[in-house]
Every structure is written in structure tokens, then in C-alpha cells.
Amino acid sequence: MVPREILDRMARCRTREEGHRTGIEIARETIERILPRVSGLQVSAPFGKVETALAVLGKSAVEIPRDG
């Protein structure tokens, strides 16, 4: 179930771009809130839009592990 606060926040978006930005902000905030309690997370690329997934990761406290 999506909390009412999130639904209201998205409902206030007046343009598609604003909705996209707000969705990324909400995802980032959620990651930052749950990260101390989990051992990992997975971010998917909706409809193959990898830039959106990267934007979520780029704005979060998540470190991307590097090989080596």
C-alpha cells in the first residue's frame, strides 16, 4: 500500500517532468531511510529507462561496488 503522503505529493505534480523528478526524490528518500536496515537493494529501470535508475542511485547514499 502506498502511503497517503506519497500519493498526495505525486498528485501535486503539474507536469510529467515534475512527476518524474518527484518520483526520483521519493525513491532516494526511501533508499536513505531503509539502507541502514537492509544488506542490499535492487533498483530497476522502468520501461528500460536506465537513466531513471541511475538518477535514483546518483542521488542516494548508495555506493556502487567496483570490481577489484
C-alpha atoms as a PDB file:
ATOM      1  CA  MET A   1       0.000   0.000   0.000  1.00  0.00           C
ATOM      2  CA  VAL A   2       1.315   3.436  -0.927  1.00  0.00           C
ATOM      3  CA  PRO A   3       1.132   5.903   1.981  1.00  0.00           C
ATOM      4  CA  ARG A   4      -1.306   8.809   1.541  1.00  0.00           C
ATOM      5  CA  GLU A   5       1.579  11.297   1.964  1.00  0.00           C
ATOM      6  CA  ILE A   6       3.297   9.869  -1.137  1.00  0.00           C
ATOM      7  CA  LEU A   7       0.075   9.853  -3.167  1.00  0.00           C
ATOM      8  CA  ASP A   8      -0.618  13.461  -2.200  1.00  0.00           C
ATOM      9  CA  ARG A   9       2.915  14.502  -3.066  1.00  0.00           C
ATOM     10  CA  MET A  10       2.667  12.942  -6.522  1.00  0.00           C
ATOM     11  CA  ALA A  11      -0.823  14.423  -7.044  1.00  0.00           C
ATOM     12  CA  ARG A  12       0.612  17.927  -6.570  1.00  0.00           C
ATOM     13  CA  CYS A  13       2.874  17.473  -9.615  1.00  0.00           C
ATOM     14  CA  ARG A  14       1.561  19.528 -12.509  1.00  0.00           C
ATOM     15  CA  THR A  15       3.778  18.262 -15.318  1.00  0.00           C
ATOM     16  CA  ARG A  16       5.190  14.928 -16.363  1.00  0.00           C
ATOM     17  CA  GLU A  17       8.709  16.226 -15.711  1.00  0.00           C
ATOM     18  CA  GLU A  18       7.784  17.376 -12.208  1.00  0.00           C
ATOM     19  CA  GLY A  19       6.258  13.960 -11.523  1.00  0.00           C
ATOM     20  CA  HIS A  20       9.420  12.271 -12.763  1.00  0.00           C
ATOM     21  CA  ARG A  21      11.641  14.432 -10.528  1.00  0.00           C
ATOM     22  CA  THR A  22       9.381  13.930  -7.536  1.00  0.00           C
ATOM     23  CA  GLY A  23       9.328  10.170  -8.066  1.00  0.00           C
ATOM     24  CA  ILE A  24      13.130  10.093  -8.112  1.00  0.00           C
ATOM     25  CA  GLU A  25      13.253  12.197  -4.939  1.00  0.00           C
ATOM     26  CA  ILE A  26      10.815   9.844  -3.201  1.00  0.00           C
ATOM     27  CA  ALA A  27      12.852   6.812  -4.272  1.00  0.00           C
ATOM     28  CA  ARG A  28      16.068   8.436  -2.991  1.00  0.00           C
ATOM     29  CA  GLU A  29      14.463   9.330   0.334  1.00  0.00           C
ATOM     30  CA  THR A  30      13.133   5.796   0.697  1.00  0.00           C
ATOM     31  CA  ILE A  31      16.557   4.288  -0.001  1.00  0.00           C
ATOM     32  CA  GLU A  32      18.216   6.563   2.538  1.00  0.00           C
ATOM     33  CA  ARG A  33      15.601   5.654   5.146  1.00  0.00           C
ATOM     34  CA  ILE A  34      15.820   1.865   4.685  1.00  0.00           C
ATOM     35  CA  LEU A  35      19.509   1.451   3.835  1.00  0.00           C
ATOM     36  CA  PRO A  36      20.683   1.115   7.458  1.00  0.00           C
ATOM     37  CA  ARG A  37      18.229  -1.775   7.934  1.00  0.00           C
ATOM     38  CA  VAL A  38      18.967  -3.883   4.837  1.00  0.00           C
ATOM     39  CA  SER A  39      22.000  -5.625   3.402  1.00  0.00           C
ATOM     40  CA  GLY A  40      21.312  -4.524  -0.158  1.00  0.00           C
ATOM     41  CA  LEU A  41      18.736  -3.225  -2.583  1.00  0.00           C
ATOM     42  CA  GLN A  42      17.763  -3.519  -6.197  1.00  0.00           C
ATOM     43  CA  VAL A  43      16.755  -0.653  -8.455  1.00  0.00           C
ATOM     44  CA  SER A  44      15.011  -1.496 -11.700  1.00  0.00           C
ATOM     45  CA  ALA A  45      14.908   0.545 -14.882  1.00  0.00           C
ATOM     46  CA  PRO A  46      11.211   1.206 -15.590  1.00  0.00           C
ATOM     47  CA  PHE A  47      10.333   0.614 -19.226  1.00  0.00           C
ATOM     48  CA  GLY A  48      14.058   0.221 -19.966  1.00  0.00           C
ATOM     49  CA  LYS A  49      14.825   3.810 -18.919  1.00  0.00           C
ATOM     50  CA  VAL A  50      18.224   3.212 -17.370  1.00  0.00           C
ATOM     51  CA  GLU A  51      18.754   6.951 -16.833  1.00  0.00           C
ATOM     52  CA  THR A  52      15.957   6.946 -14.264  1.00  0.00           C
ATOM     53  CA  ALA A  53      17.522   4.101 -12.283  1.00  0.00           C
ATOM     54  CA  LEU A  54      20.905   5.836 -12.438  1.00  0.00           C
ATOM     55  CA  ALA A  55      19.343   9.100 -11.257  1.00  0.00           C
ATOM     56  CA  VAL A  56      17.926   7.297  -8.225  1.00  0.00           C
ATOM     57  CA  LEU A  57      21.323   5.804  -7.424  1.00  0.00           C
ATOM     58  CA  GLY A  58      23.179   9.026  -8.145  1.00  0.00           C
ATOM     59  CA  LYS A  59      21.022  10.940  -5.683  1.00  0.00           C
ATOM     60  CA  SER A  60      21.143   8.344  -2.934  1.00  0.00           C
ATOM     61  CA  ALA A  61      23.658   7.408  -0.286  1.00  0.00           C
ATOM     62  CA  VAL A  62      24.249   4.092  -2.044  1.00  0.00           C
ATOM     63  CA  GLU A  63      27.775   3.285  -3.091  1.00  0.00           C
ATOM     64  CA  ILE A  64      28.115   1.235  -6.253  1.00  0.00           C
ATOM     65  CA  PRO A  65      30.655  -1.556  -5.630  1.00  0.00           C
ATOM     66  CA  ARG A  66      33.509  -1.758  -8.107  1.00  0.00           C
ATOM     67  CA  ASP A  67      35.294  -4.940  -9.123  1.00  0.00           C
ATOM     68  CA  GLY A  68      38.883  -5.257  -7.968  1.00  0.00           C
END
